[in-house]
Amino acid sequence: MVKIFIVVFLFAIIAALGSGLVFLVRDSGDTRRTVKALTWRIGLSLALIGLLVIGYLTGIVQPHNLGQ
């Protein structure tokens, strides 16, 4: 369940980044849609990082022991 939640968050981040690219290419600088889309991407990224830290601290998310 946690992995699905993380993947959905990552797809939302990629969608916001893609819409920012589309607005950057199509708009002639008249609107602020690019800034809003990239602001959403930053907000989603920070929220995902925060939720991962909270999940780690509560024991819901556990790191792998890769390289050991």
Protein backbone atom coordinates (compact mmCIF):
# COMPACT_ATOMS: atom_id res chain seq x y z
CA MET A 1 0.00 0.00 0.00
CA VAL A 2 2.82 2.40 0.86
CA LYS A 3 4.61 1.66 -2.41
CA ILE A 4 1.49 2.44 -4.42
CA PHE A 5 1.10 5.74 -2.55
CA ILE A 6 4.72 6.68 -3.33
CA VAL A 7 4.35 5.76 -7.01
CA VAL A 8 1.15 7.82 -7.29
CA PHE A 9 2.97 10.79 -5.75
CA LEU A 10 5.84 10.36 -8.22
CA PHE A 11 3.43 10.26 -11.17
CA ALA A 12 1.77 13.45 -9.89
CA ILE A 13 5.19 15.11 -9.67
CA ILE A 14 6.04 14.04 -13.21
CA ALA A 15 2.64 15.26 -14.45
CA ALA A 16 3.20 18.67 -12.86
CA LEU A 17 6.66 18.84 -14.42
CA GLY A 18 5.26 17.87 -17.82
CA SER A 19 2.48 20.44 -17.64
CA GLY A 20 5.06 23.07 -16.70
CA LEU A 21 7.03 22.15 -19.82
CA VAL A 22 3.92 22.34 -22.01
CA PHE A 23 2.96 25.73 -20.59
CA LEU A 24 6.52 26.98 -21.06
CA VAL A 25 6.52 26.01 -24.73
CA ARG A 26 2.96 27.08 -25.61
CA ASP A 27 2.47 30.29 -23.63
CA SER A 28 4.05 33.45 -24.87
CA GLY A 29 4.80 34.72 -21.38
CA ASP A 30 1.34 36.21 -20.84
CA THR A 31 0.23 33.79 -18.13
CA ARG A 32 1.72 32.43 -14.92
CA ARG A 33 0.68 28.83 -15.59
CA THR A 34 4.28 27.65 -15.85
CA VAL A 35 5.12 29.09 -12.44
CA LYS A 36 2.02 27.53 -10.89
CA ALA A 37 2.76 24.11 -12.38
CA LEU A 38 6.36 24.16 -11.16
CA THR A 39 5.23 25.42 -7.74
CA TRP A 40 2.90 22.40 -7.54
CA ARG A 41 5.84 20.16 -8.43
CA ILE A 42 7.98 21.61 -5.68
CA GLY A 43 5.13 21.33 -3.17
CA LEU A 44 4.44 17.71 -4.09
CA SER A 45 8.14 16.87 -3.87
CA LEU A 46 8.48 18.44 -0.44
CA ALA A 47 5.30 16.71 0.75
CA LEU A 48 6.60 13.34 -0.47
CA ILE A 49 9.94 13.85 1.26
CA GLY A 50 8.18 14.89 4.46
CA LEU A 51 5.87 11.89 4.38
CA LEU A 52 8.79 9.55 3.75
CA VAL A 53 10.65 10.98 6.74
CA ILE A 54 7.56 10.64 8.92
CA GLY A 55 7.07 7.09 7.64
CA TYR A 56 10.68 6.25 8.46
CA LEU A 57 10.44 7.72 11.95
CA THR A 58 7.22 5.83 12.71
CA GLY A 59 8.52 2.56 11.24
CA ILE A 60 6.12 2.34 8.31
CA VAL A 61 8.91 2.77 5.75
CA GLN A 62 12.07 0.77 6.33
CA PRO A 63 15.25 1.15 4.27
CA HIS A 64 16.89 -1.78 2.54
CA ASN A 65 20.29 -3.00 3.70
CA LEU A 66 21.84 -2.74 0.27
CA GLY A 67 25.61 -3.02 0.13
CA GLN A 68 25.96 -4.76 3.49
